[in-house]
């Protein structure tokens, strides 16, 4: 994933858990986009991370892309994924990924 995003021209920063992302955003780190798996280590899921960022981070306005190999209906039930959440099912290609960010690859 990191390699694919870097090939698309993104500078990538990785975090160990959702809580570390929230701490990074609170310290004036403002990325162009956030990409997260739904299933994360720590107390917060990727969906919770996305929803918390939208509620709490007034400085971040970019896209938050969520990904998972689980069926979308299961994600809606288990993780409260919303229809308006930007989501890509795994596995996916770099072309599918780039289309989501509206970048020609």
Protein backbone atom coordinates (compact mmCIF):
# COMPACT_ATOMS: atom_id res chain seq x y z
CA UNK A 1 0.00 0.00 0.00
CA UNK A 2 2.74 2.44 0.98
CA UNK A 3 4.56 1.77 -2.27
CA UNK A 4 1.41 2.28 -4.34
CA UNK A 5 0.65 5.61 -2.69
CA UNK A 6 4.23 6.80 -3.09
CA UNK A 7 4.10 5.89 -6.80
CA UNK A 8 1.03 8.12 -7.02
CA UNK A 9 3.07 11.01 -5.60
CA UNK A 10 1.90 10.93 -2.00
CA UNK A 11 4.24 11.34 0.94
CA UNK A 12 3.24 8.54 3.31
CA UNK A 13 3.35 8.53 7.09
CA UNK A 14 2.36 5.36 8.94
CA UNK A 15 0.91 5.08 12.43
CA UNK A 16 0.62 2.07 14.74
CA UNK A 17 -3.00 2.72 15.74
CA UNK A 18 -5.91 5.11 15.29
CA UNK A 19 -5.15 6.88 18.55
CA UNK A 20 -1.68 7.81 17.22
CA UNK A 21 -3.31 9.37 14.14
CA UNK A 22 -5.57 11.47 16.36
CA UNK A 23 -2.55 12.62 18.40
CA UNK A 24 -0.71 13.52 15.18
CA UNK A 25 -3.65 15.57 13.91
CA UNK A 26 -3.86 17.42 17.24
CA UNK A 27 -0.20 18.47 16.83
CA UNK A 28 -0.85 20.45 13.64
CA UNK A 29 -0.10 17.59 11.25
CA UNK A 30 -2.52 18.17 8.36
CA UNK A 31 -2.25 15.54 5.63
CA UNK A 32 -3.78 15.79 2.17
CA UNK A 33 -5.58 12.45 2.66
CA UNK A 34 -5.96 9.66 5.19
CA UNK A 35 -6.06 5.98 4.23
CA UNK A 36 -7.01 3.40 6.84
CA UNK A 37 -7.99 -0.22 7.09
CA UNK A 38 -11.24 -0.75 8.97
CA UNK A 39 -9.69 -3.30 11.32
CA UNK A 40 -6.94 -1.63 13.37
CA UNK A 41 -4.95 -2.44 16.48
CA UNK A 42 -5.94 -0.38 19.50
CA UNK A 43 -9.37 0.52 20.82
CA UNK A 44 -10.62 2.39 17.75
CA UNK A 45 -11.57 0.95 14.33
CA UNK A 46 -10.78 2.71 11.08
CA UNK A 47 -14.44 3.70 10.75
CA UNK A 48 -14.41 5.22 14.25
CA UNK A 49 -11.18 7.00 13.34
CA UNK A 50 -12.75 8.50 10.21
CA UNK A 51 -15.88 9.60 12.04
CA UNK A 52 -13.89 11.06 14.97
CA UNK A 53 -11.65 13.02 12.60
CA UNK A 54 -14.69 14.49 10.87
CA UNK A 55 -16.20 15.47 14.22
CA UNK A 56 -13.07 16.70 16.02
CA UNK A 57 -10.52 17.88 13.47
CA UNK A 58 -11.51 21.22 12.03
CA UNK A 59 -8.20 21.59 10.19
CA UNK A 60 -8.44 18.36 8.16
CA UNK A 61 -10.84 18.55 5.22
CA UNK A 62 -9.32 15.98 2.85
CA UNK A 63 -10.60 12.55 1.90
CA UNK A 64 -10.54 9.66 4.36
CA UNK A 65 -10.39 6.35 2.50
CA UNK A 66 -11.38 3.20 4.35
CA UNK A 67 -10.56 -0.29 3.09
CA UNK A 68 -11.46 -3.82 4.09
CA UNK A 69 -11.82 -7.32 2.77
CA UNK A 70 -15.10 -7.73 4.66
CA UNK A 71 -18.45 -7.35 2.86
CA UNK A 72 -19.82 -3.80 2.98
CA UNK A 73 -23.07 -4.93 4.65
CA UNK A 74 -21.07 -6.50 7.48
CA UNK A 75 -19.03 -3.30 7.86
CA UNK A 76 -22.24 -1.28 8.14
CA UNK A 77 -23.57 -3.58 10.87
CA UNK A 78 -20.39 -4.27 12.83
CA UNK A 79 -18.51 -0.97 12.40
CA UNK A 80 -21.28 1.52 11.51
CA UNK A 81 -19.80 2.27 8.07
CA UNK A 82 -21.96 4.95 6.45
CA UNK A 83 -22.95 5.23 2.79
CA UNK A 84 -21.10 8.57 2.59
CA UNK A 85 -17.82 7.05 3.88
CA UNK A 86 -15.23 6.72 1.11
CA UNK A 87 -14.58 2.98 0.87
CA UNK A 88 -12.65 0.57 -1.35
CA UNK A 89 -12.94 -3.21 -1.02
CA UNK A 90 -9.77 -5.30 -0.85
CA UNK A 91 -8.12 -6.47 -2.97
CA UNK A 92 -7.90 -3.46 -5.28
CA UNK A 93 -5.56 -2.23 -8.01
CA UNK A 94 -3.50 0.94 -8.08
CA UNK A 95 -5.77 2.18 -10.90
CA UNK A 96 -8.84 1.75 -8.69
CA UNK A 97 -7.03 3.51 -5.87
CA UNK A 98 -5.93 6.39 -8.07
CA UNK A 99 -9.49 6.85 -9.40
CA UNK A 100 -10.69 7.42 -5.86
CA UNK A 101 -8.20 10.23 -5.42
CA UNK A 102 -8.91 11.52 -8.95
CA UNK A 103 -5.28 11.18 -9.99
CA UNK A 104 -4.29 9.90 -13.41
CA UNK A 105 -1.78 7.10 -13.06
